[in-house]
Structures are given as C-alpha cells and as structure tokens.
PDB file of N, CA and C in Angstrom:
ATOM      1  N   UNK A   1      70.371  -1.935  23.148  1.00  0.00           N
ATOM      2  CA  UNK A   1      70.163  -2.366  24.116  1.00  0.00           C
ATOM      3  C   UNK A   1      68.636  -1.655  24.685  1.00  0.00           C
ATOM      4  N   UNK A   2      67.729  -2.100  25.354  1.00  0.00           N
ATOM      5  CA  UNK A   2      66.459  -1.581  25.478  1.00  0.00           C
ATOM      6  C   UNK A   2      66.683  -0.890  27.197  1.00  0.00           C
ATOM      7  N   UNK A   3      65.964   0.089  27.279  1.00  0.00           N
ATOM      8  CA  UNK A   3      65.936   0.791  28.784  1.00  0.00           C
ATOM      9  C   UNK A   3      64.963  -0.040  29.435  1.00  0.00           C
ATOM     10  N   UNK A   4      65.093  -0.215  30.696  1.00  0.00           N
ATOM     11  CA  UNK A   4      63.975  -0.583  31.596  1.00  0.00           C
ATOM     12  C   UNK A   4      63.192   0.539  32.031  1.00  0.00           C
ATOM     13  N   UNK A   5      61.852  -0.075  32.315  1.00  0.00           N
ATOM     14  CA  UNK A   5      60.904   1.086  32.871  1.00  0.00           C
ATOM     15  C   UNK A   5      60.701   0.702  34.203  1.00  0.00           C
ATOM     16  N   UNK A   6      60.704   1.760  35.026  1.00  0.00           N
ATOM     17  CA  UNK A   6      60.416   1.454  36.558  1.00  0.00           C
ATOM     18  C   UNK A   6      59.248   2.274  36.918  1.00  0.00           C
ATOM     19  N   UNK A   7      58.558   1.338  37.836  1.00  0.00           N
ATOM     20  CA  UNK A   7      57.263   2.001  38.330  1.00  0.00           C
ATOM     21  C   UNK A   7      57.408   2.545  39.582  1.00  0.00           C
ATOM     22  N   UNK A   8      56.612   3.758  39.908  1.00  0.00           N
ATOM     23  CA  UNK A   8      56.674   4.141  41.365  1.00  0.00           C
ATOM     24  C   UNK A   8      55.071   4.393  41.438  1.00  0.00           C
ATOM     25  N   UNK A   9      54.675   3.798  42.562  1.00  0.00           N
ATOM     26  CA  UNK A   9      53.366   3.742  42.903  1.00  0.00           C
ATOM     27  C   UNK A   9      52.777   4.366  44.193  1.00  0.00           C
ATOM     28  N   UNK A  10      52.237   5.198  44.417  1.00  0.00           N
ATOM     29  CA  UNK A  10      51.755   6.012  45.599  1.00  0.00           C
ATOM     30  C   UNK A  10      50.641   5.388  45.935  1.00  0.00           C
ATOM     31  N   UNK A  11      50.478   4.693  47.040  1.00  0.00           N
ATOM     32  CA  UNK A  11      49.502   3.694  47.552  1.00  0.00           C
ATOM     33  C   UNK A  11      48.674   4.625  48.867  1.00  0.00           C
ATOM     34  N   UNK A  12      47.417   4.940  48.653  1.00  0.00           N
ATOM     35  CA  UNK A  12      46.678   5.508  49.803  1.00  0.00           C
ATOM     36  C   UNK A  12      45.457   4.700  50.265  1.00  0.00           C
ATOM     37  N   UNK A  13      45.413   4.577  51.663  1.00  0.00           N
ATOM     38  CA  UNK A  13      44.306   3.884  52.629  1.00  0.00           C
ATOM     39  C   UNK A  13      43.115   4.788  52.372  1.00  0.00           C
ATOM     40  N   UNK A  14      41.853   4.329  52.021  1.00  0.00           N
ATOM     41  CA  UNK A  14      40.746   4.978  51.702  1.00  0.00           C
ATOM     42  C   UNK A  14      39.950   5.204  52.792  1.00  0.00           C
ATOM     43  N   UNK A  15      38.919   5.977  52.986  1.00  0.00           N
ATOM     44  CA  UNK A  15      38.299   5.935  54.165  1.00  0.00           C
ATOM     45  C   UNK A  15      37.290   4.868  54.748  1.00  0.00           C
ATOM     46  N   UNK A  16      37.022   3.907  53.443  1.00  0.00           N
ATOM     47  CA  UNK A  16      36.055   2.779  53.731  1.00  0.00           C
ATOM     48  C   UNK A  16      36.914   1.669  53.107  1.00  0.00           C
ATOM     49  N   UNK A  17      36.203   0.456  53.319  1.00  0.00           N
ATOM     50  CA  UNK A  17      36.942  -0.930  52.597  1.00  0.00           C
ATOM     51  C   UNK A  17      36.528  -1.097  51.159  1.00  0.00           C
ATOM     52  N   UNK A  18      35.996  -0.105  50.293  1.00  0.00           N
ATOM     53  CA  UNK A  18      35.604  -0.239  49.057  1.00  0.00           C
ATOM     54  C   UNK A  18      36.069   0.833  47.943  1.00  0.00           C
ATOM     55  N   UNK A  19      35.439   1.773  47.435  1.00  0.00           N
ATOM     56  CA  UNK A  19      35.994   2.601  46.688  1.00  0.00           C
ATOM     57  C   UNK A  19      36.147   3.920  47.357  1.00  0.00           C
ATOM     58  N   UNK A  20      36.364   4.244  48.636  1.00  0.00           N
ATOM     59  CA  UNK A  20      36.376   5.302  48.956  1.00  0.00           C
ATOM     60  C   UNK A  20      35.173   6.539  48.906  1.00  0.00           C
ATOM     61  N   UNK A  21      35.494   7.782  49.299  1.00  0.00           N
ATOM     62  CA  UNK A  21      34.195   8.464  49.319  1.00  0.00           C
ATOM     63  C   UNK A  21      34.721   9.856  48.305  1.00  0.00           C
ATOM     64  N   UNK A  22      33.740  10.919  48.477  1.00  0.00           N
ATOM     65  CA  UNK A  22      33.930  11.850  47.360  1.00  0.00           C
ATOM     66  C   UNK A  22      35.431  12.763  48.208  1.00  0.00           C
ATOM     67  N   UNK A  23      35.569  12.837  49.335  1.00  0.00           N
ATOM     68  CA  UNK A  23      36.549  13.376  49.954  1.00  0.00           C
ATOM     69  C   UNK A  23      38.105  12.434  49.537  1.00  0.00           C
ATOM     70  N   UNK A  24      37.958  11.363  49.565  1.00  0.00           N
ATOM     71  CA  UNK A  24      39.151  10.697  49.051  1.00  0.00           C
ATOM     72  C   UNK A  24      39.393  10.730  47.818  1.00  0.00           C
ATOM     73  N   UNK A  25      38.555  10.793  46.679  1.00  0.00           N
ATOM     74  CA  UNK A  25      38.616  11.206  45.359  1.00  0.00           C
ATOM     75  C   UNK A  25      39.663  12.579  45.313  1.00  0.00           C
ATOM     76  N   UNK A  26      39.078  13.725  46.234  1.00  0.00           N
ATOM     77  CA  UNK A  26      39.474  14.973  46.246  1.00  0.00           C
ATOM     78  C   UNK A  26      41.017  14.887  46.866  1.00  0.00           C
ATOM     79  N   UNK A  27      41.442  13.859  47.743  1.00  0.00           N
ATOM     80  CA  UNK A  27      42.668  13.802  48.251  1.00  0.00           C
ATOM     81  C   UNK A  27      43.543  13.231  47.219  1.00  0.00           C
ATOM     82  N   UNK A  28      43.149  12.336  46.447  1.00  0.00           N
ATOM     83  CA  UNK A  28      43.976  11.655  45.498  1.00  0.00           C
ATOM     84  C   UNK A  28      44.364  12.975  44.383  1.00  0.00           C
ATOM     85  N   UNK A  29      43.247  13.470  43.887  1.00  0.00           N
ATOM     86  CA  UNK A  29      43.605  14.776  43.192  1.00  0.00           C
ATOM     87  C   UNK A  29      44.572  15.556  43.501  1.00  0.00           C
ATOM     88  N   UNK A  30      44.514  16.100  44.786  1.00  0.00           N
ATOM     89  CA  UNK A  30      45.348  16.890  45.582  1.00  0.00           C
ATOM     90  C   UNK A  30      46.575  16.529  45.489  1.00  0.00           C
ATOM     91  N   UNK A  31      47.026  15.143  45.716  1.00  0.00           N
ATOM     92  CA  UNK A  31      48.287  14.476  45.521  1.00  0.00           C
ATOM     93  C   UNK A  31      48.942  14.526  44.301  1.00  0.00           C
ATOM     94  N   UNK A  32      47.814  14.127  43.423  1.00  0.00           N
ATOM     95  CA  UNK A  32      48.416  13.982  42.002  1.00  0.00           C
ATOM     96  C   UNK A  32      48.704  15.522  41.340  1.00  0.00           C
ATOM     97  N   UNK A  33      48.082  16.301  41.584  1.00  0.00           N
ATOM     98  CA  UNK A  33      48.501  17.746  41.084  1.00  0.00           C
ATOM     99  C   UNK A  33      50.249  18.030  41.049  1.00  0.00           C
ATOM    100  N   UNK A  34      50.591  17.845  42.033  1.00  0.00           N
ATOM    101  CA  UNK A  34      52.139  18.454  42.260  1.00  0.00           C
ATOM    102  C   UNK A  34      52.891  17.316  41.514  1.00  0.00           C
ATOM    103  N   UNK A  35      52.631  16.006  41.814  1.00  0.00           N
ATOM    104  CA  UNK A  35      53.202  15.091  40.672  1.00  0.00           C
ATOM    105  C   UNK A  35      53.308  15.471  39.511  1.00  0.00           C
ATOM    106  N   UNK A  36      52.128  15.613  38.952  1.00  0.00           N
ATOM    107  CA  UNK A  36      51.580  15.866  37.351  1.00  0.00           C
ATOM    108  C   UNK A  36      52.755  17.136  37.072  1.00  0.00           C
ATOM    109  N   UNK A  37      52.595  18.126  37.765  1.00  0.00           N
ATOM    110  CA  UNK A  37      53.190  19.250  37.457  1.00  0.00           C
ATOM    111  C   UNK A  37      54.932  19.179  37.385  1.00  0.00           C
ATOM    112  N   UNK A  38      55.393  18.318  38.421  1.00  0.00           N
ATOM    113  CA  UNK A  38      56.795  18.287  38.613  1.00  0.00           C
ATOM    114  C   UNK A  38      57.334  17.342  37.393  1.00  0.00           C
ATOM    115  N   UNK A  39      56.409  16.249  37.026  1.00  0.00           N
ATOM    116  CA  UNK A  39      56.773  15.516  35.779  1.00  0.00           C
ATOM    117  C   UNK A  39      56.709  16.378  34.449  1.00  0.00           C
ATOM    118  N   UNK A  40      55.888  17.240  34.177  1.00  0.00           N
ATOM    119  CA  UNK A  40      55.644  18.252  33.061  1.00  0.00           C
ATOM    120  C   UNK A  40      57.221  18.980  33.307  1.00  0.00           C
ATOM    121  N   UNK A  41      57.528  19.472  34.313  1.00  0.00           N
ATOM    122  CA  UNK A  41      58.611  20.153  34.357  1.00  0.00           C
ATOM    123  C   UNK A  41      59.808  19.536  34.084  1.00  0.00           C
ATOM    124  N   UNK A  42      59.803  18.239  33.822  1.00  0.00           N
ATOM    125  CA  UNK A  42      61.015  17.292  33.698  1.00  0.00           C
ATOM    126  C   UNK A  42      60.836  16.425  32.464  1.00  0.00           C
ATOM    127  N   UNK A  43      60.883  16.822  31.512  1.00  0.00           N
ATOM    128  CA  UNK A  43      60.371  16.002  30.244  1.00  0.00           C
ATOM    129  C   UNK A  43      61.430  14.817  30.138  1.00  0.00           C
ATOM    130  N   UNK A  44      60.658  13.833  29.877  1.00  0.00           N
ATOM    131  CA  UNK A  44      61.886  12.498  30.122  1.00  0.00           C
ATOM    132  C   UNK A  44      62.143  11.813  31.224  1.00  0.00           C
ATOM    133  N   UNK A  45      61.940  12.294  32.421  1.00  0.00           N
ATOM    134  CA  UNK A  45      62.043  11.944  33.795  1.00  0.00           C
ATOM    135  C   UNK A  45      60.979  10.781  33.832  1.00  0.00           C
ATOM    136  N   UNK A  46      59.656  10.837  33.600  1.00  0.00           N
ATOM    137  CA  UNK A  46      58.604   9.900  33.711  1.00  0.00           C
ATOM    138  C   UNK A  46      57.304  10.496  33.570  1.00  0.00           C
ATOM    139  N   UNK A  47      56.541   9.719  33.633  1.00  0.00           N
ATOM    140  CA  UNK A  47      55.049   9.714  33.100  1.00  0.00           C
ATOM    141  C   UNK A  47      54.165   9.652  34.219  1.00  0.00           C
ATOM    142  N   UNK A  48      53.163  10.437  34.473  1.00  0.00           N
ATOM    143  CA  UNK A  48      52.182   9.890  35.482  1.00  0.00           C
ATOM    144  C   UNK A  48      50.908   9.309  34.574  1.00  0.00           C
ATOM    145  N   UNK A  49      50.264   8.096  34.793  1.00  0.00           N
ATOM    146  CA  UNK A  49      49.452   7.153  34.009  1.00  0.00           C
ATOM    147  C   UNK A  49      48.312   6.870  34.746  1.00  0.00           C
ATOM    148  N   UNK A  50      47.886   7.728  35.721  1.00  0.00           N
ATOM    149  CA  UNK A  50      46.427   7.717  36.208  1.00  0.00           C
ATOM    150  C   UNK A  50      46.604   7.102  37.534  1.00  0.00           C
ATOM    151  N   UNK A  51      45.279   6.659  37.963  1.00  0.00           N
ATOM    152  CA  UNK A  51      45.106   6.100  39.301  1.00  0.00           C
ATOM    153  C   UNK A  51      43.847   4.986  39.163  1.00  0.00           C
ATOM    154  N   UNK A  52      43.692   4.404  40.370  1.00  0.00           N
ATOM    155  CA  UNK A  52      42.607   3.533  40.335  1.00  0.00           C
ATOM    156  C   UNK A  52      42.342   3.333  41.884  1.00  0.00           C
ATOM    157  N   UNK A  53      41.035   3.003  42.080  1.00  0.00           N
ATOM    158  CA  UNK A  53      40.294   2.837  43.505  1.00  0.00           C
ATOM    159  C   UNK A  53      39.876   1.444  43.542  1.00  0.00           C
ATOM    160  N   UNK A  54      39.961   0.908  44.609  1.00  0.00           N
ATOM    161  CA  UNK A  54      39.371  -0.388  44.903  1.00  0.00           C
ATOM    162  C   UNK A  54      39.817  -0.996  46.104  1.00  0.00           C
ATOM    163  N   UNK A  55      39.141  -2.008  46.872  1.00  0.00           N
ATOM    164  CA  UNK A  55      39.590  -2.707  47.781  1.00  0.00           C
ATOM    165  C   UNK A  55      39.978  -1.748  49.025  1.00  0.00           C
ATOM    166  N   UNK A  56      39.475  -0.633  49.111  1.00  0.00           N
ATOM    167  CA  UNK A  56      39.968   0.347  50.173  1.00  0.00           C
ATOM    168  C   UNK A  56      41.147   0.806  50.025  1.00  0.00           C
ATOM    169  N   UNK A  57      41.673   1.026  48.905  1.00  0.00           N
ATOM    170  CA  UNK A  57      42.859   1.644  48.561  1.00  0.00           C
ATOM    171  C   UNK A  57      42.911   2.397  47.115  1.00  0.00           C
ATOM    172  N   UNK A  58      43.760   3.476  47.114  1.00  0.00           N
ATOM    173  CA  UNK A  58      43.962   4.056  45.836  1.00  0.00           C
ATOM    174  C   UNK A  58      45.253   3.999  45.497  1.00  0.00           C
ATOM    175  N   UNK A  59      45.780   3.918  44.245  1.00  0.00           N
ATOM    176  CA  UNK A  59      47.061   3.683  43.845  1.00  0.00           C
ATOM    177  C   UNK A  59      47.267   4.939  42.541  1.00  0.00           C
ATOM    178  N   UNK A  60      48.197   5.562  42.860  1.00  0.00           N
ATOM    179  CA  UNK A  60      48.436   6.581  41.665  1.00  0.00           C
ATOM    180  C   UNK A  60      49.717   5.723  41.124  1.00  0.00           C
ATOM    181  N   UNK A  61      49.637   5.723  39.670  1.00  0.00           N
ATOM    182  CA  UNK A  61      50.964   4.986  38.769  1.00  0.00           C
ATOM    183  C   UNK A  61      51.699   6.183  38.068  1.00  0.00           C
ATOM    184  N   UNK A  62      52.890   5.904  38.504  1.00  0.00           N
ATOM    185  CA  UNK A  62      54.056   6.727  37.551  1.00  0.00           C
ATOM    186  C   UNK A  62      55.211   5.609  37.007  1.00  0.00           C
ATOM    187  N   UNK A  63      55.746   5.902  35.954  1.00  0.00           N
ATOM    188  CA  UNK A  63      56.631   5.238  35.085  1.00  0.00           C
ATOM    189  C   UNK A  63      57.771   6.035  34.683  1.00  0.00           C
ATOM    190  N   UNK A  64      59.054   5.451  34.676  1.00  0.00           N
ATOM    191  CA  UNK A  64      60.166   6.216  34.167  1.00  0.00           C
ATOM    192  C   UNK A  64      61.321   5.285  33.926  1.00  0.00           C
ATOM    193  N   UNK A  65      62.492   5.795  33.359  1.00  0.00           N
ATOM    194  CA  UNK A  65      63.632   4.932  33.457  1.00  0.00           C
ATOM    195  C   UNK A  65      64.654   4.982  34.513  1.00  0.00           C
ATOM    196  N   UNK A  66      64.511   5.801  35.337  1.00  0.00           N
ATOM    197  CA  UNK A  66      65.367   5.665  36.586  1.00  0.00           C
ATOM    198  C   UNK A  66      64.218   5.968  37.985  1.00  0.00           C
ATOM    199  N   UNK A  67      64.056   4.806  38.408  1.00  0.00           N
ATOM    200  CA  UNK A  67      62.984   4.630  39.436  1.00  0.00           C
ATOM    201  C   UNK A  67      63.243   5.358  40.630  1.00  0.00           C
ATOM    202  N   UNK A  68      64.744   5.596  40.820  1.00  0.00           N
ATOM    203  CA  UNK A  68      65.474   6.405  42.049  1.00  0.00           C
ATOM    204  C   UNK A  68      65.044   7.850  42.018  1.00  0.00           C
ATOM    205  N   UNK A  69      65.268   8.375  40.809  1.00  0.00           N
ATOM    206  CA  UNK A  69      65.110   9.915  40.772  1.00  0.00           C
ATOM    207  C   UNK A  69      63.680  10.117  40.458  1.00  0.00           C
ATOM    208  N   UNK A  70      62.817   9.312  39.926  1.00  0.00           N
ATOM    209  CA  UNK A  70      61.414   9.483  39.778  1.00  0.00           C
ATOM    210  C   UNK A  70      60.731   9.517  41.252  1.00  0.00           C
ATOM    211  N   UNK A  71      61.198   8.461  41.990  1.00  0.00           N
ATOM    212  CA  UNK A  71      60.745   8.485  43.490  1.00  0.00           C
ATOM    213  C   UNK A  71      61.189   9.822  44.263  1.00  0.00           C
ATOM    214  N   UNK A  72      62.087  10.135  43.980  1.00  0.00           N
ATOM    215  CA  UNK A  72      62.718  11.486  44.921  1.00  0.00           C
ATOM    216  C   UNK A  72      61.913  12.730  44.268  1.00  0.00           C
ATOM    217  N   UNK A  73      61.742  12.655  42.711  1.00  0.00           N
ATOM    218  CA  UNK A  73      61.058  13.858  42.262  1.00  0.00           C
ATOM    219  C   UNK A  73      59.420  13.768  42.684  1.00  0.00           C
ATOM    220  N   UNK A  74      58.981  12.459  42.968  1.00  0.00           N
ATOM    221  CA  UNK A  74      57.651  12.714  43.605  1.00  0.00           C
ATOM    222  C   UNK A  74      57.630  13.071  45.050  1.00  0.00           C
ATOM    223  N   UNK A  75      58.470  12.695  45.906  1.00  0.00           N
ATOM    224  CA  UNK A  75      58.427  12.958  47.303  1.00  0.00           C
ATOM    225  C   UNK A  75      58.727  14.483  47.255  1.00  0.00           C
ATOM    226  N   UNK A  76      59.579  14.910  46.507  1.00  0.00           N
ATOM    227  CA  UNK A  76      59.841  16.341  46.434  1.00  0.00           C
ATOM    228  C   UNK A  76      58.630  17.188  46.266  1.00  0.00           C
ATOM    229  N   UNK A  77      57.825  16.892  45.273  1.00  0.00           N
ATOM    230  CA  UNK A  77      56.660  17.468  44.710  1.00  0.00           C
ATOM    231  C   UNK A  77      55.758  17.999  45.660  1.00  0.00           C
ATOM    232  N   UNK A  78      55.774  17.162  47.115  1.00  0.00           N
ATOM    233  CA  UNK A  78      54.821  17.380  48.283  1.00  0.00           C
ATOM    234  C   UNK A  78      55.740  18.742  49.053  1.00  0.00           C
ATOM    235  N   UNK A  79      56.669  18.939  48.922  1.00  0.00           N
ATOM    236  CA  UNK A  79      57.123  19.979  49.617  1.00  0.00           C
ATOM    237  C   UNK A  79      57.187  21.381  48.853  1.00  0.00           C
ATOM    238  N   UNK A  80      56.539  21.572  47.798  1.00  0.00           N
ATOM    239  CA  UNK A  80      56.502  22.762  47.035  1.00  0.00           C
ATOM    240  C   UNK A  80      55.671  23.597  47.333  1.00  0.00           C
TER     241      UNK A  80
END
C-alpha cells in the first residue's frame, strides 16, 4: 500500500502585484528558516521544497505523509 503525500502551502501576499521587493524576499527567508529547522528536527515528518514568487504572491512548499501534523509543526515553528 502506498502512502499519500500531503502538501502544506504557506501563501504570502507581496508588496506589489509582480515578484515583490527585496524586503519581500527577506520576509520569505525569515518565515522559511524556522520551518526548515522544525522539519530538520523531525526526520520523516516532511520536507521543505522551496518557494516561488509571482503574481503578487509568494508560496512556500512543504510535503509530508500527514498533512495535519505537518501544518501544526509549521504553525508552531513561528512561536519559537
């Protein structure tokens, strides 16, 4: 039996309607750092798979086998 992969996408509105600004890039990096650290601390929970900018938004991509636990872990990473 195969295990499903779930996605947790963190979507951010950028300062403009295109690719954002340097400040937006720094904000995405600031948000990604604790997410990546939390996933590194919990092997097997999930993976951070990068981000993309476009259309006035940034999206951070994370994947794992339990979307609920992955989402909770990402949300908790902000309170550290």
